[in-house]
Each structure stands twice: as C-alpha cells, then as structure tokens.
Amino acid sequence: MSDERTRSGQGSAERPREEEEHAEELRVTDRRRFTEDGQRREDVSEEGITPVDEGTEKTARPEMVPRSEAEQWERRALDAEAKIREITDAYRHHKTELDRARERLERDQRSRVLEALARSFLRVLDALDGLEMALEHSREGESPLAEGVRLVHRKILDALAAEGLERIEVVGETFDPELAEAVATVPVEDEKDVNRVIREIRPGYRLEGRVIRPAQVHVGIAAAKTDG
C-alpha cells in the first residue's frame, strides 16, 4: 500500500510539471490591439507586433569603399561623361546638317514655284503690253471705252502686285543692265542725263526681288559738239 501511495504521489507530482512544460510549448503571443473591454493596447503596433525601441537598434556605419574601387568608379564616371559629350556633339552636328539641308530644299522648292509663277505672269504681262499700247494711242481723244480699259488695266496690275509682282521704275535713274535693256540711245545736252534712262519703251517687272522681265529703255548719251 505504501508503495502504491508513493508511486501515486510521484505520478501526481510529475503531472503538473508535464502540464507546465506542455503549457510552455503552447504559449502564444497575444497580438490583439484592443483589450476585451475595448481599450487600446499601447504595447502593440498597427501591424500587431510589439514596436521596437529605435534607441535599442544598432546604428549601422557606412561601409567604406576601398580606394582602388573608388578610383575605378571615378574613371567610369569620367568615361561616361566623355561619351555623353561625344554623343551630344554628334547630335548637334547632324542637327545642323539637317537644318541646312532643309533650308536648301525649301529654297529649291521656292525657286521652282517662283519660276512657274514667273512664266504665268509673263503671259499676262504680254497681254498688258497690248492694253498699254492701246491706252497710249487713245490719250488724244479720251473716250468712255478708253477709261474702262484703263480701269481694267489698273485692276490687273493691283492683282499682280498682291501676288508679289512689282514694276521696276527706271525712268530718270542711272542705267542698270541688271534691271533694263537699252534698245536705243538718245543724245542729251545735259551731262547729268548721260547714262540715264530717258524713256521707257516696255516696263520691267520683278517677282520677290528677282527680275523676271527687264525694262526696255532709251539711254542718254552725250550729244556731239559742233564747232561754232
């Protein structure tokens, strides 16, 4: 009997120790942010874990880069900078060449357009020459018909001027072979009229500064002196 009591007492003493060990194995961390009565717990963060005191964290020291490695990175940076300059210079050069090519193309296109306009204007100017000759002959006896023709002539000139056509004024100016064609010479007494345009036979025109038809004129020359 005494042996059974002894074994029974030992068994009852071992059970609490086993229960305590088992309780330690099943221990869990309470991560609830609020207590059962609805109070917020201060020892639990928003993520449900106990916040760590920043003062307890070990401050990490910056890692020192070896001198040889730093020099290597510096060389790489210099090489990259030189490459960027090279690419930038090449881009600027190609952009300049492209701009010049575009300007040449625009000039060529504009030149072709002006040439086509000039050919069209010359046909109109030939018709205007006929109108002007008719108006010159009708000055002595002015008539309503001549007045109407003169009005039409003026409207045509205004329309051509709106398109960039400009009449060249040469009478009284020094003769310029770039602007006029001398079809005859006229002796003049005044030396100031020598090599000046005395009379215009056919008007000249230019389009945007380019002469498309030179004027036909008479140019003054010094009159021959006779012995008195």
Foldseek 3Di string as FASTA:
>chain_A
DVVVVVVVVVVVVVVVVVVVVVCVVVDDDAQDQADPVGHGDPQHDPVSHGDDDPVPDDDDDDDDDDPVVVVVVVVVVVVVVVVVVVVVVVVVVVVVVVVVVVVVVVVVVVVVVVVVVLVVVVVVLVVLLVLVVVLVVCPVPDDPVSVVSVVVSVVVVVVVVVQQKDWDDFAFHQDDPQAADEPEEDADADPSQANGFHAWDGIWIAGPPHTSGHTYTYGYHHDDDDDD
